Structures are given as structure tokens and as C-alpha cells.
Amino acid sequence: MGVTVQVRDLDAGVQERLKAAAAARGQSLSEFLRIELARLADQLDEKRRITDILFPGMSMPITLHRDFDMQSFIDEMKAERDSR
């Protein structure tokens, strides 16, 4: 069974943009947010796994540039591994 998440003090403009994005996909706002939050959690897990591989034992978090493309990085790492 799922849990309920409440977000307080969300800017009205942000809410409207999220509603518009959901409508463009033919989804309710709740469905859209559920899917996007699950995708975000997957990306965070992948980032943590990559950080653990590249920087084992590191106790401080790594901040990546906001334009960093995780999927491209993963693809490059896999290609490098497969070329060995």
C-alpha cells in the first residue's frame, strides 16, 4: 500500500506547470507526480551506485553539475567496460 506525501508552500506557478505537464500526458496530477517521483528515486539510486563504484568509501556526497546527463554517463561507462 502506498503512502501519502504532502508538499507545503509550493509556488502556484510550479503547480500550474506540473498540472499542464500531466494534462499533456493525459494523466492526473497525482499519477504524473507518482511516476516522476519514482523516476527521480531511480536516478538517485543510480547516482549513489555510480558514486559508490567510482569513489568507494567516500563519506561526503558528490554534487554533479546540473547539466550532468546520468544516462549518457552510464552508457559511456558500460561502453568502456564492454570494450575491455
PDB file of N, CA and C in Angstrom:
ATOM      1  N   MET A   1       0.830  -1.170   0.000  1.00  0.00           N
ATOM      2  CA  MET A   1       0.000   0.000   0.000  1.00  0.00           C
ATOM      3  C   MET A   1       0.884   1.247   0.000  1.00  0.00           C
ATOM      4  N   GLY A   2       0.494   2.244  -0.747  1.00  0.00           N
ATOM      5  CA  GLY A   2       1.278   3.462  -0.877  1.00  0.00           C
ATOM      6  C   GLY A   2       1.151   4.369   0.330  1.00  0.00           C
ATOM      7  N   VAL A   3       1.976   5.370   0.351  1.00  0.00           N
ATOM      8  CA  VAL A   3       1.943   6.388   1.399  1.00  0.00           C
ATOM      9  C   VAL A   3       1.499   7.705   0.791  1.00  0.00           C
ATOM     10  N   THR A   4       1.039   8.601   1.622  1.00  0.00           N
ATOM     11  CA  THR A   4       0.627   9.917   1.177  1.00  0.00           C
ATOM     12  C   THR A   4       1.750  10.908   1.444  1.00  0.00           C
ATOM     13  N   VAL A   5       2.050  11.720   0.444  1.00  0.00           N
ATOM     14  CA  VAL A   5       3.073  12.758   0.572  1.00  0.00           C
ATOM     15  C   VAL A   5       2.382  14.097   0.387  1.00  0.00           C
ATOM     16  N   GLN A   6       2.695  15.024   1.270  1.00  0.00           N
ATOM     17  CA  GLN A   6       2.127  16.363   1.166  1.00  0.00           C
ATOM     18  C   GLN A   6       3.262  17.361   0.985  1.00  0.00           C
ATOM     19  N   VAL A   7       3.100  18.263   0.040  1.00  0.00           N
ATOM     20  CA  VAL A   7       4.101  19.300  -0.200  1.00  0.00           C
ATOM     21  C   VAL A   7       3.481  20.632   0.200  1.00  0.00           C
ATOM     22  N   ARG A   8       4.136  21.312   1.110  1.00  0.00           N
ATOM     23  CA  ARG A   8       3.632  22.614   1.582  1.00  0.00           C
ATOM     24  C   ARG A   8       4.362  23.755   0.871  1.00  0.00           C
ATOM     25  N   ASP A   9       3.668  24.854   0.747  1.00  0.00           N
ATOM     26  CA  ASP A   9       4.240  26.107   0.232  1.00  0.00           C
ATOM     27  C   ASP A   9       4.800  25.979  -1.183  1.00  0.00           C
ATOM     28  N   LEU A  10       4.179  25.165  -1.998  1.00  0.00           N
ATOM     29  CA  LEU A  10       4.582  25.039  -3.397  1.00  0.00           C
ATOM     30  C   LEU A  10       4.115  26.278  -4.141  1.00  0.00           C
ATOM     31  N   ASP A  11       4.982  26.868  -4.911  1.00  0.00           N
ATOM     32  CA  ASP A  11       4.642  28.043  -5.695  1.00  0.00           C
ATOM     33  C   ASP A  11       3.504  27.699  -6.654  1.00  0.00           C
ATOM     34  N   ALA A  12       2.526  28.583  -6.755  1.00  0.00           N
ATOM     35  CA  ALA A  12       1.366  28.340  -7.620  1.00  0.00           C
ATOM     36  C   ALA A  12       1.782  28.135  -9.070  1.00  0.00           C
ATOM     37  N   GLY A  13       2.812  28.856  -9.503  1.00  0.00           N
ATOM     38  CA  GLY A  13       3.283  28.689 -10.878  1.00  0.00           C
ATOM     39  C   GLY A  13       3.848  27.307 -11.124  1.00  0.00           C
ATOM     40  N   VAL A  14       4.517  26.755 -10.127  1.00  0.00           N
ATOM     41  CA  VAL A  14       5.052  25.398 -10.246  1.00  0.00           C
ATOM     42  C   VAL A  14       3.899  24.413 -10.355  1.00  0.00           C
ATOM     43  N   GLN A  15       2.885  24.587  -9.522  1.00  0.00           N
ATOM     44  CA  GLN A  15       1.734  23.689  -9.570  1.00  0.00           C
ATOM     45  C   GLN A  15       1.069  23.730 -10.947  1.00  0.00           C
ATOM     46  N   GLU A  16       0.905  24.910 -11.496  1.00  0.00           N
ATOM     47  CA  GLU A  16       0.273  25.036 -12.806  1.00  0.00           C
ATOM     48  C   GLU A  16       1.102  24.357 -13.898  1.00  0.00           C
ATOM     49  N   ARG A  17       2.427  24.504 -13.829  1.00  0.00           N
ATOM     50  CA  ARG A  17       3.289  23.847 -14.828  1.00  0.00           C
ATOM     51  C   ARG A  17       3.211  22.329 -14.698  1.00  0.00           C
ATOM     52  N   LEU A  18       3.149  21.843 -13.470  1.00  0.00           N
ATOM     53  CA  LEU A  18       3.025  20.389 -13.265  1.00  0.00           C
ATOM     54  C   LEU A  18       1.682  19.873 -13.772  1.00  0.00           C
ATOM     55  N   LYS A  19       0.624  20.619 -13.498  1.00  0.00           N
ATOM     56  CA  LYS A  19      -0.707  20.233 -13.996  1.00  0.00           C
ATOM     57  C   LYS A  19      -0.721  20.193 -15.523  1.00  0.00           C
ATOM     58  N   ALA A  20      -0.086  21.186 -16.140  1.00  0.00           N
ATOM     59  CA  ALA A  20      -0.043  21.236 -17.605  1.00  0.00           C
ATOM     60  C   ALA A  20       0.744  20.054 -18.169  1.00  0.00           C
ATOM     61  N   ALA A  21       1.859  19.713 -17.519  1.00  0.00           N
ATOM     62  CA  ALA A  21       2.653  18.569 -17.974  1.00  0.00           C
ATOM     63  C   ALA A  21       1.862  17.274 -17.831  1.00  0.00           C
ATOM     64  N   ALA A  22       1.125  17.148 -16.741  1.00  0.00           N
ATOM     65  CA  ALA A  22       0.296  15.955 -16.530  1.00  0.00           C
ATOM     66  C   ALA A  22      -0.792  15.886 -17.597  1.00  0.00           C
ATOM     67  N   ALA A  23      -1.443  16.990 -17.852  1.00  0.00           N
ATOM     68  CA  ALA A  23      -2.508  17.013 -18.857  1.00  0.00           C
ATOM     69  C   ALA A  23      -1.972  16.663 -20.235  1.00  0.00           C
ATOM     70  N   ALA A  24      -0.773  17.134 -20.546  1.00  0.00           N
ATOM     71  CA  ALA A  24      -0.171  16.838 -21.847  1.00  0.00           C
ATOM     72  C   ALA A  24       0.059  15.343 -22.022  1.00  0.00           C
ATOM     73  N   ARG A  25       0.248  14.634 -20.925  1.00  0.00           N
ATOM     74  CA  ARG A  25       0.431  13.177 -20.973  1.00  0.00           C
ATOM     75  C   ARG A  25      -0.880  12.420 -20.768  1.00  0.00           C
ATOM     76  N   GLY A  26      -1.947  13.159 -20.575  1.00  0.00           N
ATOM     77  CA  GLY A  26      -3.236  12.513 -20.327  1.00  0.00           C
ATOM     78  C   GLY A  26      -3.303  11.867 -18.953  1.00  0.00           C
ATOM     79  N   GLN A  27      -2.601  12.443 -17.997  1.00  0.00           N
ATOM     80  CA  GLN A  27      -2.555  11.889 -16.646  1.00  0.00           C
ATOM     81  C   GLN A  27      -3.124  12.890 -15.652  1.00  0.00           C
ATOM     82  N   SER A  28      -3.550  12.366 -14.513  1.00  0.00           N
ATOM     83  CA  SER A  28      -3.906  13.255 -13.408  1.00  0.00           C
ATOM     84  C   SER A  28      -2.614  13.781 -12.810  1.00  0.00           C
ATOM     85  N   LEU A  29      -2.721  14.852 -12.037  1.00  0.00           N
ATOM     86  CA  LEU A  29      -1.536  15.394 -11.376  1.00  0.00           C
ATOM     87  C   LEU A  29      -0.929  14.346 -10.440  1.00  0.00           C
ATOM     88  N   SER A  30      -1.770  13.635  -9.707  1.00  0.00           N
ATOM     89  CA  SER A  30      -1.264  12.608  -8.787  1.00  0.00           C
ATOM     90  C   SER A  30      -0.521  11.501  -9.528  1.00  0.00           C
ATOM     91  N   GLU A  31      -1.083  11.043 -10.637  1.00  0.00           N
ATOM     92  CA  GLU A  31      -0.431   9.988 -11.413  1.00  0.00           C
ATOM     93  C   GLU A  31       0.902  10.486 -11.981  1.00  0.00           C
ATOM     94  N   PHE A  32       0.896  11.686 -12.517  1.00  0.00           N
ATOM     95  CA  PHE A  32       2.108  12.284 -13.063  1.00  0.00           C
ATOM     96  C   PHE A  32       3.202  12.372 -12.003  1.00  0.00           C
ATOM     97  N   LEU A  33       2.843  12.907 -10.823  1.00  0.00           N
ATOM     98  CA  LEU A  33       3.823  13.057  -9.752  1.00  0.00           C
ATOM     99  C   LEU A  33       4.317  11.710  -9.241  1.00  0.00           C
ATOM    100  N   ARG A  34       3.437  10.730  -9.150  1.00  0.00           N
ATOM    101  CA  ARG A  34       3.837   9.387  -8.708  1.00  0.00           C
ATOM    102  C   ARG A  34       4.893   8.803  -9.651  1.00  0.00           C
ATOM    103  N   ILE A  35       4.667   8.931 -10.937  1.00  0.00           N
ATOM    104  CA  ILE A  35       5.606   8.411 -11.935  1.00  0.00           C
ATOM    105  C   ILE A  35       6.921   9.182 -11.895  1.00  0.00           C
ATOM    106  N   GLU A  36       6.840  10.505 -11.835  1.00  0.00           N
ATOM    107  CA  GLU A  36       8.050  11.322 -11.825  1.00  0.00           C
ATOM    108  C   GLU A  36       8.860  11.132 -10.548  1.00  0.00           C
ATOM    109  N   LEU A  37       8.201  10.982  -9.407  1.00  0.00           N
ATOM    110  CA  LEU A  37       8.931  10.754  -8.157  1.00  0.00           C
ATOM    111  C   LEU A  37       9.607   9.385  -8.165  1.00  0.00           C
ATOM    112  N   ALA A  38       8.952   8.389  -8.734  1.00  0.00           N
ATOM    113  CA  ALA A  38       9.574   7.065  -8.849  1.00  0.00           C
ATOM    114  C   ALA A  38      10.793   7.131  -9.761  1.00  0.00           C
ATOM    115  N   ARG A  39      10.680   7.884 -10.853  1.00  0.00           N
ATOM    116  CA  ARG A  39      11.810   8.058 -11.783  1.00  0.00           C
ATOM    117  C   ARG A  39      12.957   8.787 -11.081  1.00  0.00           C
ATOM    118  N   LEU A  40      12.643   9.802 -10.327  1.00  0.00           N
ATOM    119  CA  LEU A  40      13.657  10.543  -9.583  1.00  0.00           C
ATOM    120  C   LEU A  40      14.363   9.628  -8.571  1.00  0.00           C
ATOM    121  N   ALA A  41      13.596   8.820  -7.870  1.00  0.00           N
ATOM    122  CA  ALA A  41      14.193   7.889  -6.899  1.00  0.00           C
ATOM    123  C   ALA A  41      15.133   6.909  -7.595  1.00  0.00           C
ATOM    124  N   ASP A  42      14.746   6.427  -8.774  1.00  0.00           N
ATOM    125  CA  ASP A  42      15.618   5.527  -9.538  1.00  0.00           C
ATOM    126  C   ASP A  42      16.915   6.228  -9.926  1.00  0.00           C
ATOM    127  N   GLN A  43      16.827   7.485 -10.349  1.00  0.00           N
ATOM    128  CA  GLN A  43      18.018   8.240 -10.721  1.00  0.00           C
ATOM    129  C   GLN A  43      18.927   8.452  -9.519  1.00  0.00           C
ATOM    130  N   LEU A  44      18.341   8.725  -8.368  1.00  0.00           N
ATOM    131  CA  LEU A  44      19.139   8.908  -7.157  1.00  0.00           C
ATOM    132  C   LEU A  44      19.845   7.616  -6.767  1.00  0.00           C
ATOM    133  N   ASP A  45      19.140   6.487  -6.899  1.00  0.00           N
ATOM    134  CA  ASP A  45      19.754   5.186  -6.613  1.00  0.00           C
ATOM    135  C   ASP A  45      20.919   4.928  -7.556  1.00  0.00           C
ATOM    136  N   GLU A  46      20.729   5.234  -8.833  1.00  0.00           N
ATOM    137  CA  GLU A  46      21.775   5.007  -9.829  1.00  0.00           C
ATOM    138  C   GLU A  46      22.969   5.909  -9.551  1.00  0.00           C
ATOM    139  N   LYS A  47      22.710   7.156  -9.194  1.00  0.00           N
ATOM    140  CA  LYS A  47      23.791   8.096  -8.870  1.00  0.00           C
ATOM    141  C   LYS A  47      24.576   7.576  -7.667  1.00  0.00           C
ATOM    142  N   ARG A  48      23.864   7.069  -6.663  1.00  0.00           N
ATOM    143  CA  ARG A  48      24.538   6.540  -5.478  1.00  0.00           C
ATOM    144  C   ARG A  48      25.389   5.331  -5.832  1.00  0.00           C
ATOM    145  N   ARG A  49      24.853   4.438  -6.682  1.00  0.00           N
ATOM    146  CA  ARG A  49      25.622   3.252  -7.088  1.00  0.00           C
ATOM    147  C   ARG A  49      26.880   3.650  -7.852  1.00  0.00           C
ATOM    148  N   ILE A  50      26.761   4.602  -8.753  1.00  0.00           N
ATOM    149  CA  ILE A  50      27.920   5.043  -9.533  1.00  0.00           C
ATOM    150  C   ILE A  50      28.941   5.712  -8.612  1.00  0.00           C
ATOM    151  N   THR A  51      28.465   6.535  -7.688  1.00  0.00           N
ATOM    152  CA  THR A  51      29.368   7.184  -6.737  1.00  0.00           C
ATOM    153  C   THR A  51      30.090   6.131  -5.902  1.00  0.00           C
ATOM    154  N   ASP A  52      29.363   5.102  -5.461  1.00  0.00           N
ATOM    155  CA  ASP A  52      29.979   4.032  -4.666  1.00  0.00           C
ATOM    156  C   ASP A  52      31.040   3.285  -5.457  1.00  0.00           C
ATOM    157  N   ILE A  53      30.823   3.136  -6.767  1.00  0.00           N
ATOM    158  CA  ILE A  53      31.789   2.429  -7.617  1.00  0.00           C
ATOM    159  C   ILE A  53      33.020   3.312  -7.863  1.00  0.00           C
ATOM    160  N   LEU A  54      32.776   4.574  -8.214  1.00  0.00           N
ATOM    161  CA  LEU A  54      33.880   5.463  -8.566  1.00  0.00           C
ATOM    162  C   LEU A  54      34.647   5.972  -7.356  1.00  0.00           C
ATOM    163  N   PHE A  55      33.951   6.137  -6.251  1.00  0.00           N
ATOM    164  CA  PHE A  55      34.559   6.718  -5.056  1.00  0.00           C
ATOM    165  C   PHE A  55      34.234   5.869  -3.829  1.00  0.00           C
ATOM    166  N   PRO A  56      34.696   4.615  -3.812  1.00  0.00           N
ATOM    167  CA  PRO A  56      34.346   3.741  -2.688  1.00  0.00           C
ATOM    168  C   PRO A  56      34.867   4.299  -1.366  1.00  0.00           C
ATOM    169  N   GLY A  57      34.036   4.181  -0.353  1.00  0.00           N
ATOM    170  CA  GLY A  57      34.430   4.620   0.974  1.00  0.00           C
ATOM    171  C   GLY A  57      34.371   6.113   1.187  1.00  0.00           C
ATOM    172  N   MET A  58      33.942   6.849   0.183  1.00  0.00           N
ATOM    173  CA  MET A  58      33.884   8.306   0.326  1.00  0.00           C
ATOM    174  C   MET A  58      32.736   8.667   1.262  1.00  0.00           C
ATOM    175  N   SER A  59      33.015   9.493   2.256  1.00  0.00           N
ATOM    176  CA  SER A  59      31.997   9.803   3.255  1.00  0.00           C
ATOM    177  C   SER A  59      31.191  11.051   2.926  1.00  0.00           C
ATOM    178  N   MET A  60      31.649  11.833   1.956  1.00  0.00           N
ATOM    179  CA  MET A  60      30.903  13.042   1.627  1.00  0.00           C
ATOM    180  C   MET A  60      30.186  12.875   0.286  1.00  0.00           C
ATOM    181  N   PRO A  61      29.005  13.455   0.158  1.00  0.00           N
ATOM    182  CA  PRO A  61      28.260  13.318  -1.097  1.00  0.00           C
ATOM    183  C   PRO A  61      28.939  14.078  -2.227  1.00  0.00           C
ATOM    184  N   ILE A  62      28.693  13.609  -3.441  1.00  0.00           N
ATOM    185  CA  ILE A  62      29.244  14.261  -4.627  1.00  0.00           C
ATOM    186  C   ILE A  62      28.133  15.093  -5.257  1.00  0.00           C
ATOM    187  N   THR A  63      28.425  16.316  -5.605  1.00  0.00           N
ATOM    188  CA  THR A  63      27.461  17.169  -6.287  1.00  0.00           C
ATOM    189  C   THR A  63      27.860  17.244  -7.746  1.00  0.00           C
ATOM    190  N   LEU A  64      26.954  16.838  -8.612  1.00  0.00           N
ATOM    191  CA  LEU A  64      27.216  16.873 -10.041  1.00  0.00           C
ATOM    192  C   LEU A  64      26.615  18.146 -10.622  1.00  0.00           C
ATOM    193  N   HIS A  65      27.222  18.636 -11.677  1.00  0.00           N
ATOM    194  CA  HIS A  65      26.719  19.820 -12.358  1.00  0.00           C
ATOM    195  C   HIS A  65      25.281  19.568 -12.792  1.00  0.00           C
ATOM    196  N   ARG A  66      24.443  20.576 -12.749  1.00  0.00           N
ATOM    197  CA  ARG A  66      23.019  20.378 -13.038  1.00  0.00           C
ATOM    198  C   ARG A  66      22.760  19.921 -14.471  1.00  0.00           C
ATOM    199  N   ASP A  67      23.713  20.147 -15.381  1.00  0.00           N
ATOM    200  CA  ASP A  67      23.547  19.691 -16.761  1.00  0.00           C
ATOM    201  C   ASP A  67      24.096  18.283 -16.975  1.00  0.00           C
ATOM    202  N   PHE A  68      24.573  17.670 -15.906  1.00  0.00           N
ATOM    203  CA  PHE A  68      25.122  16.321 -16.000  1.00  0.00           C
ATOM    204  C   PHE A  68      24.030  15.365 -16.450  1.00  0.00           C
ATOM    205  N   ASP A  69      24.319  14.575 -17.462  1.00  0.00           N
ATOM    206  CA  ASP A  69      23.344  13.618 -18.000  1.00  0.00           C
ATOM    207  C   ASP A  69      23.715  12.223 -17.515  1.00  0.00           C
ATOM    208  N   MET A  70      22.979  11.747 -16.527  1.00  0.00           N
ATOM    209  CA  MET A  70      23.283  10.462 -15.904  1.00  0.00           C
ATOM    210  C   MET A  70      23.237   9.323 -16.918  1.00  0.00           C
ATOM    211  N   GLN A  71      22.230   9.321 -17.787  1.00  0.00           N
ATOM    212  CA  GLN A  71      22.098   8.213 -18.731  1.00  0.00           C
ATOM    213  C   GLN A  71      23.279   8.172 -19.693  1.00  0.00           C
ATOM    214  N   SER A  72      23.741   9.322 -20.169  1.00  0.00           N
ATOM    215  CA  SER A  72      24.907   9.343 -21.053  1.00  0.00           C
ATOM    216  C   SER A  72      26.142   8.835 -20.323  1.00  0.00           C
ATOM    217  N   PHE A  73      26.277   9.232 -19.064  1.00  0.00           N
ATOM    218  CA  PHE A  73      27.400   8.772 -18.267  1.00  0.00           C
ATOM    219  C   PHE A  73      27.357   7.249 -18.099  1.00  0.00           C
ATOM    220  N   ILE A  74      26.192   6.723 -17.799  1.00  0.00           N
ATOM    221  CA  ILE A  74      26.035   5.273 -17.632  1.00  0.00           C
ATOM    222  C   ILE A  74      26.371   4.560 -18.929  1.00  0.00           C
ATOM    223  N   ASP A  75      25.862   5.072 -20.042  1.00  0.00           N
ATOM    224  CA  ASP A  75      26.134   4.460 -21.344  1.00  0.00           C
ATOM    225  C   ASP A  75      27.627   4.462 -21.646  1.00  0.00           C
ATOM    226  N   GLU A  76      28.302   5.570 -21.339  1.00  0.00           N
ATOM    227  CA  GLU A  76      29.747   5.641 -21.567  1.00  0.00           C
ATOM    228  C   GLU A  76      30.498   4.656 -20.678  1.00  0.00           C
ATOM    229  N   MET A  77      30.072   4.536 -19.434  1.00  0.00           N
ATOM    230  CA  MET A  77      30.720   3.591 -18.517  1.00  0.00           C
ATOM    231  C   MET A  77      30.533   2.151 -19.000  1.00  0.00           C
ATOM    232  N   LYS A  78      29.331   1.827 -19.464  1.00  0.00           N
ATOM    233  CA  LYS A  78      29.058   0.477 -19.977  1.00  0.00           C
ATOM    234  C   LYS A  78      29.881   0.210 -21.239  1.00  0.00           C
ATOM    235  N   ALA A  79      29.985   1.196 -22.123  1.00  0.00           N
ATOM    236  CA  ALA A  79      30.766   1.028 -23.337  1.00  0.00           C
ATOM    237  C   ALA A  79      32.231   0.817 -23.007  1.00  0.00           C
ATOM    238  N   GLU A  80      32.741   1.575 -22.046  1.00  0.00           N
ATOM    239  CA  GLU A  80      34.122   1.413 -21.604  1.00  0.00           C
ATOM    240  C   GLU A  80      34.353   0.024 -21.027  1.00  0.00           C
ATOM    241  N   ARG A  81      33.430  -0.425 -20.200  1.00  0.00           N
ATOM    242  CA  ARG A  81      33.540  -1.760 -19.598  1.00  0.00           C
ATOM    243  C   ARG A  81      33.503  -2.833 -20.681  1.00  0.00           C
ATOM    244  N   ASP A  82      32.589  -2.697 -21.632  1.00  0.00           N
ATOM    245  CA  ASP A  82      32.432  -3.701 -22.680  1.00  0.00           C
ATOM    246  C   ASP A  82      33.609  -3.724 -23.649  1.00  0.00           C
ATOM    247  N   SER A  83      34.358  -2.643 -23.739  1.00  0.00           N
ATOM    248  CA  SER A  83      35.496  -2.598 -24.661  1.00  0.00           C
ATOM    249  C   SER A  83      36.718  -3.326 -24.111  1.00  0.00           C
ATOM    250  N   ARG A  84      36.676  -3.690 -22.823  1.00  0.00           N
ATOM    251  CA  ARG A  84      37.839  -4.372 -22.210  1.00  0.00           C
ATOM    252  C   ARG A  84      37.877  -5.824 -22.557  1.00  0.00           C
TER     253      ARG A  84
END
